[in-house]
Amino acid sequence: MAGPTRAYVGLGANLGDPRATLGQALAAIAALPHGRLVATSSIYRTAPIDSSGPDYLNAVAALDTALAPAALLASLQAIEAAHGRERPYRNAPRTLDLDLLLHGDAVVDTPTLTLPHPRLHQRAFVLLPLLELAPLLAAPGLGPLAAHAAAVAGQRIERLAPTPHDGAPCT
């Protein structure tokens, strides 16, 4: 197994108790083997995009992991399943959505995983929490992510509060 790689995970929920679900998901991510939760963004409230239903609560987590991208994705999907995630149709409301956004400088394009996440620079609910954690972050094929912030400025997003980890590095 390789040494740790910095990965970023987008979290979202809009069914049930989204705030509690995000806290439980962060705890599950922190408990993943071969890794360490490094930091979490604030929680943001956003309107559903290309969907209906209640507003989402979103955040981004940074973790250092020795898991390969596919193994980390499988672990994230297991956390989603444990929270009752169903996929009845594209962009359906969800109890929990965990998206692997970046895994170091990995570029992956398979039927089950695309890295960098193909829409991370087009969605305020991903880009702004990501930039909160890493303002100078660049992504393969996208360059500095801060350069994309103006393109999402018209999307409704509200920063609510720190996550249970207060957006600071975890010890």
N, C-alpha and C. Protein backbone atom coordinates (compact mmCIF):
# COMPACT_ATOMS: atom_id res chain seq x y z
N MET A 1 0.85 -1.17 0.00
CA MET A 1 0.00 0.00 0.00
C MET A 1 0.89 1.24 0.00
N ALA A 2 0.54 2.23 -0.82
CA ALA A 2 1.32 3.45 -0.96
C ALA A 2 1.18 4.33 0.28
N GLY A 3 2.02 5.37 0.36
CA GLY A 3 1.93 6.33 1.45
C GLY A 3 0.68 7.17 1.31
N PRO A 4 0.41 8.00 2.30
CA PRO A 4 -0.82 8.78 2.28
C PRO A 4 -0.89 9.78 1.13
N THR A 5 -2.08 9.95 0.62
CA THR A 5 -2.39 10.91 -0.42
C THR A 5 -3.51 11.79 0.11
N ARG A 6 -3.45 13.08 -0.14
CA ARG A 6 -4.54 13.98 0.26
C ARG A 6 -5.71 13.79 -0.70
N ALA A 7 -6.84 13.47 -0.14
CA ALA A 7 -8.08 13.31 -0.91
C ALA A 7 -9.13 14.26 -0.34
N TYR A 8 -10.06 14.65 -1.18
CA TYR A 8 -11.16 15.52 -0.77
C TYR A 8 -12.47 14.84 -1.10
N VAL A 9 -13.39 14.87 -0.13
CA VAL A 9 -14.69 14.22 -0.27
C VAL A 9 -15.78 15.27 -0.07
N GLY A 10 -16.71 15.33 -1.01
CA GLY A 10 -17.87 16.20 -0.86
C GLY A 10 -18.97 15.44 -0.15
N LEU A 11 -19.63 16.08 0.82
CA LEU A 11 -20.73 15.47 1.57
C LEU A 11 -21.99 16.29 1.33
N GLY A 12 -23.10 15.60 1.16
CA GLY A 12 -24.37 16.30 1.01
C GLY A 12 -25.51 15.43 1.50
N ALA A 13 -26.56 16.08 1.99
CA ALA A 13 -27.76 15.37 2.45
C ALA A 13 -28.92 16.35 2.44
N ASN A 14 -30.12 15.83 2.09
CA ASN A 14 -31.30 16.69 2.17
C ASN A 14 -32.54 15.94 2.63
N LEU A 15 -32.39 14.72 3.11
CA LEU A 15 -33.51 13.96 3.67
C LEU A 15 -33.19 13.59 5.11
N GLY A 16 -34.22 13.41 5.91
CA GLY A 16 -34.02 13.04 7.31
C GLY A 16 -33.47 14.23 8.09
N ASP A 17 -32.43 13.99 8.89
CA ASP A 17 -31.76 15.03 9.67
C ASP A 17 -30.38 15.24 9.06
N PRO A 18 -30.30 16.11 8.03
CA PRO A 18 -29.04 16.25 7.29
C PRO A 18 -27.85 16.62 8.16
N ARG A 19 -28.03 17.50 9.14
CA ARG A 19 -26.89 17.91 9.98
C ARG A 19 -26.34 16.72 10.75
N ALA A 20 -27.24 15.93 11.36
CA ALA A 20 -26.80 14.75 12.10
C ALA A 20 -26.14 13.74 11.15
N THR A 21 -26.71 13.58 9.97
CA THR A 21 -26.15 12.64 9.00
C THR A 21 -24.74 13.06 8.59
N LEU A 22 -24.53 14.35 8.35
CA LEU A 22 -23.19 14.81 7.98
C LEU A 22 -22.20 14.53 9.11
N GLY A 23 -22.61 14.76 10.34
CA GLY A 23 -21.73 14.46 11.48
C GLY A 23 -21.39 12.99 11.57
N GLN A 24 -22.39 12.13 11.36
CA GLN A 24 -22.15 10.68 11.40
C GLN A 24 -21.25 10.26 10.24
N ALA A 25 -21.46 10.85 9.07
CA ALA A 25 -20.62 10.50 7.92
C ALA A 25 -19.18 10.92 8.15
N LEU A 26 -18.97 12.10 8.75
CA LEU A 26 -17.61 12.53 9.05
C LEU A 26 -16.94 11.59 10.04
N ALA A 27 -17.69 11.13 11.03
CA ALA A 27 -17.14 10.16 11.98
C ALA A 27 -16.77 8.86 11.27
N ALA A 28 -17.60 8.42 10.33
CA ALA A 28 -17.32 7.20 9.58
C ALA A 28 -16.09 7.38 8.68
N ILE A 29 -15.97 8.54 8.07
CA ILE A 29 -14.79 8.82 7.24
C ILE A 29 -13.54 8.83 8.11
N ALA A 30 -13.63 9.44 9.29
CA ALA A 30 -12.48 9.49 10.20
C ALA A 30 -12.07 8.09 10.65
N ALA A 31 -13.01 7.15 10.66
CA ALA A 31 -12.73 5.78 11.10
C ALA A 31 -12.26 4.86 9.98
N LEU A 32 -12.19 5.36 8.75
CA LEU A 32 -11.74 4.51 7.64
C LEU A 32 -10.31 4.04 7.89
N PRO A 33 -10.01 2.81 7.48
CA PRO A 33 -8.64 2.31 7.68
C PRO A 33 -7.64 3.03 6.77
N HIS A 34 -6.42 3.04 7.20
CA HIS A 34 -5.31 3.57 6.39
C HIS A 34 -5.46 5.04 6.06
N GLY A 35 -6.04 5.79 6.99
CA GLY A 35 -6.19 7.21 6.72
C GLY A 35 -6.45 8.02 7.96
N ARG A 36 -6.52 9.33 7.75
CA ARG A 36 -6.76 10.26 8.84
C ARG A 36 -7.54 11.45 8.30
N LEU A 37 -8.64 11.77 8.95
CA LEU A 37 -9.41 12.97 8.62
C LEU A 37 -8.58 14.17 9.06
N VAL A 38 -8.30 15.06 8.13
CA VAL A 38 -7.41 16.18 8.39
C VAL A 38 -8.19 17.45 8.72
N ALA A 39 -9.25 17.73 7.97
CA ALA A 39 -10.02 18.96 8.18
C ALA A 39 -11.39 18.81 7.52
N THR A 40 -12.32 19.63 7.99
CA THR A 40 -13.65 19.69 7.39
C THR A 40 -14.03 21.14 7.22
N SER A 41 -14.78 21.40 6.17
CA SER A 41 -15.25 22.76 5.92
C SER A 41 -16.44 23.07 6.82
N SER A 42 -16.89 24.29 6.72
CA SER A 42 -18.17 24.65 7.33
C SER A 42 -19.28 23.91 6.62
N ILE A 43 -20.46 23.97 7.18
CA ILE A 43 -21.65 23.43 6.53
C ILE A 43 -22.29 24.55 5.72
N TYR A 44 -22.75 24.20 4.54
CA TYR A 44 -23.40 25.16 3.64
C TYR A 44 -24.79 24.66 3.29
N ARG A 45 -25.74 25.58 3.17
CA ARG A 45 -27.09 25.24 2.71
C ARG A 45 -27.20 25.68 1.25
N THR A 46 -27.70 24.76 0.41
CA THR A 46 -27.84 25.06 -1.01
C THR A 46 -29.15 24.49 -1.54
N ALA A 47 -29.63 25.11 -2.60
CA ALA A 47 -30.83 24.61 -3.26
C ALA A 47 -30.45 23.40 -4.11
N PRO A 48 -31.38 22.46 -4.28
CA PRO A 48 -31.11 21.33 -5.18
C PRO A 48 -30.85 21.83 -6.60
N ILE A 49 -29.94 21.18 -7.30
CA ILE A 49 -29.64 21.51 -8.69
C ILE A 49 -30.18 20.38 -9.56
N ASP A 50 -30.94 20.74 -10.58
CA ASP A 50 -31.52 19.75 -11.51
C ASP A 50 -32.37 18.73 -10.76
N SER A 51 -33.03 19.16 -9.69
CA SER A 51 -33.82 18.25 -8.88
C SER A 51 -34.82 19.06 -8.07
N SER A 52 -35.61 18.35 -7.28
CA SER A 52 -36.54 19.01 -6.38
C SER A 52 -36.25 18.50 -4.97
N GLY A 53 -37.07 18.94 -4.03
CA GLY A 53 -36.90 18.49 -2.65
C GLY A 53 -36.34 19.59 -1.78
N PRO A 54 -36.12 19.28 -0.51
CA PRO A 54 -35.61 20.29 0.43
C PRO A 54 -34.19 20.72 0.08
N ASP A 55 -33.78 21.85 0.65
CA ASP A 55 -32.40 22.31 0.49
C ASP A 55 -31.44 21.25 1.01
N TYR A 56 -30.25 21.27 0.47
CA TYR A 56 -29.18 20.38 0.92
C TYR A 56 -28.32 21.06 1.97
N LEU A 57 -27.72 20.26 2.82
CA LEU A 57 -26.59 20.69 3.62
C LEU A 57 -25.38 20.01 3.02
N ASN A 58 -24.31 20.78 2.82
CA ASN A 58 -23.11 20.28 2.17
C ASN A 58 -21.87 20.66 2.96
N ALA A 59 -20.82 19.90 2.79
CA ALA A 59 -19.51 20.19 3.37
C ALA A 59 -18.47 19.43 2.54
N VAL A 60 -17.22 19.71 2.81
CA VAL A 60 -16.11 18.98 2.18
C VAL A 60 -15.16 18.56 3.30
N ALA A 61 -14.65 17.34 3.18
CA ALA A 61 -13.67 16.80 4.12
C ALA A 61 -12.36 16.56 3.39
N ALA A 62 -11.27 16.86 4.07
CA ALA A 62 -9.93 16.54 3.57
C ALA A 62 -9.40 15.38 4.39
N LEU A 63 -8.87 14.37 3.72
CA LEU A 63 -8.28 13.27 4.45
C LEU A 63 -6.99 12.83 3.78
N ASP A 64 -6.10 12.33 4.60
CA ASP A 64 -4.89 11.71 4.08
C ASP A 64 -5.15 10.22 4.14
N THR A 65 -5.01 9.56 3.00
CA THR A 65 -5.37 8.15 2.90
C THR A 65 -4.34 7.36 2.11
N ALA A 66 -4.15 6.13 2.50
CA ALA A 66 -3.31 5.21 1.74
C ALA A 66 -4.17 4.33 0.83
N LEU A 67 -5.49 4.50 0.90
CA LEU A 67 -6.38 3.74 0.02
C LEU A 67 -6.29 4.28 -1.40
N ALA A 68 -6.28 3.39 -2.36
CA ALA A 68 -6.33 3.78 -3.77
C ALA A 68 -7.68 4.41 -4.06
N PRO A 69 -7.80 5.19 -5.12
CA PRO A 69 -9.07 5.85 -5.41
C PRO A 69 -10.27 4.91 -5.45
N ALA A 70 -10.16 3.78 -6.12
CA ALA A 70 -11.30 2.86 -6.23
C ALA A 70 -11.68 2.28 -4.86
N ALA A 71 -10.68 1.98 -4.04
CA ALA A 71 -10.96 1.45 -2.70
C ALA A 71 -11.59 2.51 -1.81
N LEU A 72 -11.14 3.75 -1.92
CA LEU A 72 -11.75 4.83 -1.14
C LEU A 72 -13.19 5.05 -1.59
N LEU A 73 -13.43 5.05 -2.90
CA LEU A 73 -14.80 5.19 -3.40
C LEU A 73 -15.70 4.08 -2.86
N ALA A 74 -15.22 2.85 -2.87
CA ALA A 74 -16.02 1.73 -2.35
C ALA A 74 -16.34 1.94 -0.87
N SER A 75 -15.37 2.44 -0.11
CA SER A 75 -15.60 2.72 1.32
C SER A 75 -16.64 3.82 1.50
N LEU A 76 -16.57 4.85 0.67
CA LEU A 76 -17.55 5.94 0.75
C LEU A 76 -18.95 5.45 0.38
N GLN A 77 -19.03 4.60 -0.62
CA GLN A 77 -20.34 4.05 -1.01
C GLN A 77 -20.91 3.15 0.08
N ALA A 78 -20.06 2.46 0.82
CA ALA A 78 -20.53 1.65 1.94
C ALA A 78 -21.10 2.54 3.05
N ILE A 79 -20.47 3.70 3.29
CA ILE A 79 -20.99 4.65 4.27
C ILE A 79 -22.35 5.17 3.81
N GLU A 80 -22.47 5.50 2.53
CA GLU A 80 -23.76 5.94 1.98
C GLU A 80 -24.83 4.88 2.20
N ALA A 81 -24.51 3.64 1.88
CA ALA A 81 -25.48 2.54 2.01
C ALA A 81 -25.90 2.36 3.46
N ALA A 82 -24.97 2.53 4.39
CA ALA A 82 -25.30 2.41 5.81
C ALA A 82 -26.26 3.50 6.28
N HIS A 83 -26.32 4.58 5.52
CA HIS A 83 -27.24 5.69 5.82
C HIS A 83 -28.48 5.65 4.93
N GLY A 84 -28.74 4.51 4.31
CA GLY A 84 -29.97 4.35 3.54
C GLY A 84 -29.97 5.01 2.18
N ARG A 85 -28.80 5.27 1.61
CA ARG A 85 -28.73 5.91 0.30
C ARG A 85 -29.36 5.01 -0.75
N GLU A 86 -30.28 5.58 -1.50
CA GLU A 86 -30.89 4.90 -2.64
C GLU A 86 -30.63 5.75 -3.88
N ARG A 87 -30.65 5.12 -5.02
CA ARG A 87 -30.41 5.82 -6.29
C ARG A 87 -31.56 5.52 -7.26
N PRO A 88 -32.79 5.99 -6.92
CA PRO A 88 -33.92 5.66 -7.77
C PRO A 88 -33.88 6.35 -9.14
N TYR A 89 -33.25 7.55 -9.19
CA TYR A 89 -33.10 8.27 -10.45
C TYR A 89 -32.03 9.34 -10.26
N ARG A 90 -31.53 9.84 -11.37
CA ARG A 90 -30.46 10.85 -11.34
C ARG A 90 -30.91 12.06 -10.54
N ASN A 91 -30.03 12.54 -9.66
CA ASN A 91 -30.25 13.73 -8.83
C ASN A 91 -31.43 13.61 -7.88
N ALA A 92 -31.78 12.39 -7.50
CA ALA A 92 -32.87 12.19 -6.54
C ALA A 92 -32.46 12.76 -5.19
N PRO A 93 -33.43 13.23 -4.38
CA PRO A 93 -33.09 13.62 -3.01
C PRO A 93 -32.40 12.45 -2.31
N ARG A 94 -31.55 12.77 -1.33
CA ARG A 94 -30.77 11.69 -0.74
C ARG A 94 -30.51 11.89 0.75
N THR A 95 -30.45 10.75 1.42
CA THR A 95 -30.11 10.76 2.84
C THR A 95 -28.64 11.12 3.01
N LEU A 96 -27.79 10.69 2.08
CA LEU A 96 -26.37 10.99 2.14
C LEU A 96 -25.75 10.80 0.77
N ASP A 97 -24.94 11.76 0.38
CA ASP A 97 -24.20 11.68 -0.87
C ASP A 97 -22.75 11.98 -0.54
N LEU A 98 -21.86 11.05 -0.86
CA LEU A 98 -20.43 11.23 -0.67
C LEU A 98 -19.75 11.13 -2.02
N ASP A 99 -19.12 12.20 -2.45
CA ASP A 99 -18.44 12.23 -3.74
C ASP A 99 -16.95 12.37 -3.54
N LEU A 100 -16.18 11.47 -4.14
CA LEU A 100 -14.74 11.60 -4.16
C LEU A 100 -14.42 12.68 -5.19
N LEU A 101 -13.91 13.81 -4.71
CA LEU A 101 -13.67 14.97 -5.57
C LEU A 101 -12.28 14.94 -6.18
N LEU A 102 -11.29 14.69 -5.34
CA LEU A 102 -9.90 14.67 -5.75
C LEU A 102 -9.17 13.61 -4.93
N HIS A 103 -8.20 12.98 -5.54
CA HIS A 103 -7.34 12.01 -4.85
C HIS A 103 -5.92 12.32 -5.31
N GLY A 104 -5.27 13.24 -4.57
CA GLY A 104 -3.96 13.71 -5.00
C GLY A 104 -4.06 14.30 -6.39
N ASP A 105 -3.12 13.94 -7.24
CA ASP A 105 -3.13 14.40 -8.64
C ASP A 105 -3.67 13.34 -9.58
N ALA A 106 -4.39 12.35 -9.03
CA ALA A 106 -4.89 11.25 -9.86
C ALA A 106 -5.88 11.75 -10.91
N VAL A 107 -5.72 11.22 -12.10
CA VAL A 107 -6.68 11.42 -13.18
C VAL A 107 -7.22 10.04 -13.51
N VAL A 108 -8.52 9.86 -13.30
CA VAL A 108 -9.16 8.56 -13.49
C VAL A 108 -10.41 8.77 -14.33
N ASP A 109 -10.64 7.90 -15.29
CA ASP A 109 -11.87 7.95 -16.09
C ASP A 109 -12.31 6.52 -16.38
N THR A 110 -13.12 6.00 -15.47
CA THR A 110 -13.66 4.65 -15.62
C THR A 110 -15.17 4.75 -15.55
N PRO A 111 -15.89 3.67 -15.84
CA PRO A 111 -17.35 3.73 -15.74
C PRO A 111 -17.85 4.04 -14.32
N THR A 112 -17.04 3.77 -13.29
CA THR A 112 -17.50 3.98 -11.92
C THR A 112 -16.86 5.18 -11.22
N LEU A 113 -15.80 5.74 -11.79
CA LEU A 113 -15.10 6.84 -11.11
C LEU A 113 -14.44 7.75 -12.12
N THR A 114 -14.65 9.06 -11.92
CA THR A 114 -13.96 10.08 -12.70
C THR A 114 -13.30 11.04 -11.73
N LEU A 115 -12.00 11.21 -11.88
CA LEU A 115 -11.23 12.15 -11.08
C LEU A 115 -10.40 13.04 -11.98
N PRO A 116 -10.34 14.32 -11.68
CA PRO A 116 -11.14 15.01 -10.69
C PRO A 116 -12.63 14.85 -10.97
N HIS A 117 -13.45 15.04 -9.93
CA HIS A 117 -14.90 14.94 -10.11
C HIS A 117 -15.28 15.88 -11.24
N PRO A 118 -16.06 15.41 -12.21
CA PRO A 118 -16.29 16.19 -13.43
C PRO A 118 -17.01 17.52 -13.25
N ARG A 119 -17.73 17.73 -12.15
CA ARG A 119 -18.45 18.99 -11.98
C ARG A 119 -18.01 19.78 -10.76
N LEU A 120 -16.89 19.41 -10.16
CA LEU A 120 -16.49 20.08 -8.92
C LEU A 120 -16.29 21.57 -9.10
N HIS A 121 -15.87 22.01 -10.27
CA HIS A 121 -15.62 23.43 -10.52
C HIS A 121 -16.88 24.18 -10.99
N GLN A 122 -17.98 23.44 -11.17
CA GLN A 122 -19.22 24.04 -11.65
C GLN A 122 -20.29 24.16 -10.58
N ARG A 123 -20.04 23.67 -9.39
CA ARG A 123 -21.02 23.62 -8.32
C ARG A 123 -20.51 24.38 -7.11
N ALA A 124 -21.20 25.46 -6.75
CA ALA A 124 -20.79 26.25 -5.59
C ALA A 124 -20.74 25.41 -4.32
N PHE A 125 -21.69 24.45 -4.19
CA PHE A 125 -21.73 23.64 -2.97
C PHE A 125 -20.54 22.72 -2.82
N VAL A 126 -19.76 22.54 -3.87
CA VAL A 126 -18.52 21.77 -3.80
C VAL A 126 -17.33 22.72 -3.78
N LEU A 127 -17.32 23.66 -4.71
CA LEU A 127 -16.16 24.52 -4.90
C LEU A 127 -15.89 25.43 -3.69
N LEU A 128 -16.92 26.06 -3.13
CA LEU A 128 -16.67 27.00 -2.03
C LEU A 128 -16.19 26.30 -0.76
N PRO A 129 -16.81 25.17 -0.34
CA PRO A 129 -16.23 24.48 0.83
C PRO A 129 -14.83 23.94 0.56
N LEU A 130 -14.57 23.51 -0.66
CA LEU A 130 -13.24 23.02 -1.02
C LEU A 130 -12.22 24.15 -0.91
N LEU A 131 -12.58 25.32 -1.43
CA LEU A 131 -11.67 26.46 -1.35
C LEU A 131 -11.52 26.97 0.09
N GLU A 132 -12.53 26.77 0.92
CA GLU A 132 -12.40 27.12 2.34
C GLU A 132 -11.26 26.31 2.96
N LEU A 133 -11.17 25.04 2.61
CA LEU A 133 -10.12 24.17 3.15
C LEU A 133 -8.76 24.40 2.50
N ALA A 134 -8.76 24.66 1.21
CA ALA A 134 -7.50 24.75 0.46
C ALA A 134 -7.60 25.86 -0.59
N PRO A 135 -7.45 27.11 -0.17
CA PRO A 135 -7.66 28.24 -1.09
C PRO A 135 -6.76 28.24 -2.32
N LEU A 136 -5.61 27.61 -2.24
CA LEU A 136 -4.67 27.61 -3.36
C LEU A 136 -4.68 26.31 -4.14
N LEU A 137 -5.64 25.44 -3.86
CA LEU A 137 -5.69 24.12 -4.48
C LEU A 137 -5.86 24.22 -5.99
N ALA A 138 -5.12 23.39 -6.68
CA ALA A 138 -5.25 23.24 -8.13
C ALA A 138 -5.62 21.78 -8.41
N ALA A 139 -6.34 21.56 -9.50
CA ALA A 139 -6.76 20.22 -9.87
C ALA A 139 -6.27 19.91 -11.28
N PRO A 140 -5.89 18.65 -11.51
CA PRO A 140 -5.44 18.27 -12.84
C PRO A 140 -6.49 18.62 -13.90
N GLY A 141 -6.05 19.30 -14.94
CA GLY A 141 -6.95 19.67 -16.03
C GLY A 141 -7.80 20.90 -15.77
N LEU A 142 -7.84 21.35 -14.51
CA LEU A 142 -8.66 22.52 -14.16
C LEU A 142 -7.82 23.71 -13.71
N GLY A 143 -6.59 23.45 -13.29
CA GLY A 143 -5.74 24.52 -12.79
C GLY A 143 -6.19 24.98 -11.42
N PRO A 144 -5.82 26.21 -11.04
CA PRO A 144 -6.20 26.73 -9.73
C PRO A 144 -7.73 26.81 -9.62
N LEU A 145 -8.26 26.18 -8.58
CA LEU A 145 -9.73 26.12 -8.45
C LEU A 145 -10.34 27.47 -8.11
N ALA A 146 -9.58 28.36 -7.48
CA ALA A 146 -10.11 29.68 -7.16
C ALA A 146 -10.49 30.45 -8.43
N ALA A 147 -9.85 30.13 -9.54
CA ALA A 147 -10.16 30.80 -10.80
C ALA A 147 -11.57 30.47 -11.29
N HIS A 148 -12.19 29.43 -10.75
CA HIS A 148 -13.53 29.03 -11.17
C HIS A 148 -14.63 29.61 -10.28
N ALA A 149 -14.26 30.29 -9.20
CA ALA A 149 -15.25 30.77 -8.23
C ALA A 149 -16.23 31.77 -8.84
N ALA A 150 -15.77 32.64 -9.71
CA ALA A 150 -16.66 33.64 -10.31
C ALA A 150 -17.77 32.97 -11.12
N ALA A 151 -17.49 31.83 -11.72
CA ALA A 151 -18.48 31.14 -12.56
C ALA A 151 -19.63 30.56 -11.75
N VAL A 152 -19.46 30.38 -10.44
CA VAL A 152 -20.53 29.83 -9.61
C VAL A 152 -21.16 30.89 -8.70
N ALA A 153 -20.77 32.14 -8.89
CA ALA A 153 -21.21 33.21 -8.00
C ALA A 153 -22.73 33.39 -7.99
N GLY A 154 -23.41 33.02 -9.06
CA GLY A 154 -24.86 33.18 -9.12
C GLY A 154 -25.65 32.06 -8.47
N GLN A 155 -24.98 31.01 -8.00
CA GLN A 155 -25.67 29.89 -7.37
C GLN A 155 -25.94 30.21 -5.90
N ARG A 156 -27.16 29.92 -5.45
CA ARG A 156 -27.53 30.22 -4.07
C ARG A 156 -26.81 29.27 -3.12
N ILE A 157 -26.07 29.85 -2.20
CA ILE A 157 -25.34 29.08 -1.19
C ILE A 157 -25.21 29.95 0.05
N GLU A 158 -25.37 29.33 1.21
CA GLU A 158 -25.30 30.04 2.48
C GLU A 158 -24.42 29.25 3.44
N ARG A 159 -23.37 29.90 3.91
CA ARG A 159 -22.49 29.26 4.90
C ARG A 159 -23.20 29.32 6.24
N LEU A 160 -23.41 28.14 6.84
CA LEU A 160 -24.18 28.07 8.08
C LEU A 160 -23.31 28.08 9.32
N ALA A 161 -22.49 27.09 9.46
CA ALA A 161 -21.75 26.93 10.70
C ALA A 161 -20.62 25.94 10.47
N PRO A 162 -19.69 25.94 11.39
CA PRO A 162 -18.64 24.92 11.30
C PRO A 162 -19.24 23.52 11.44
N THR A 163 -18.57 22.55 10.86
CA THR A 163 -18.94 21.15 11.05
C THR A 163 -18.54 20.77 12.47
N PRO A 164 -18.84 19.55 12.89
CA PRO A 164 -18.43 19.14 14.24
C PRO A 164 -16.94 19.28 14.50
N HIS A 165 -16.13 19.35 13.45
CA HIS A 165 -14.70 19.50 13.61
C HIS A 165 -14.26 20.94 13.47
N ASP A 166 -15.24 21.88 13.41
CA ASP A 166 -14.99 23.33 13.37
C ASP A 166 -14.12 23.74 12.20
N GLY A 167 -14.08 22.96 11.13
CA GLY A 167 -13.31 23.34 9.96
C GLY A 167 -11.80 23.34 10.20
N ALA A 168 -11.38 22.92 11.38
CA ALA A 168 -9.96 22.94 11.72
C ALA A 168 -9.39 21.54 11.64
N PRO A 169 -8.09 21.43 11.56
CA PRO A 169 -7.50 20.10 11.53
C PRO A 169 -7.92 19.29 12.75
N CYS A 170 -8.15 18.03 12.51
CA CYS A 170 -8.54 17.12 13.60
C CYS A 170 -7.27 16.59 14.27
N THR A 171 -7.35 16.34 15.54
CA THR A 171 -6.19 15.77 16.22
C THR A 171 -6.47 14.35 16.63
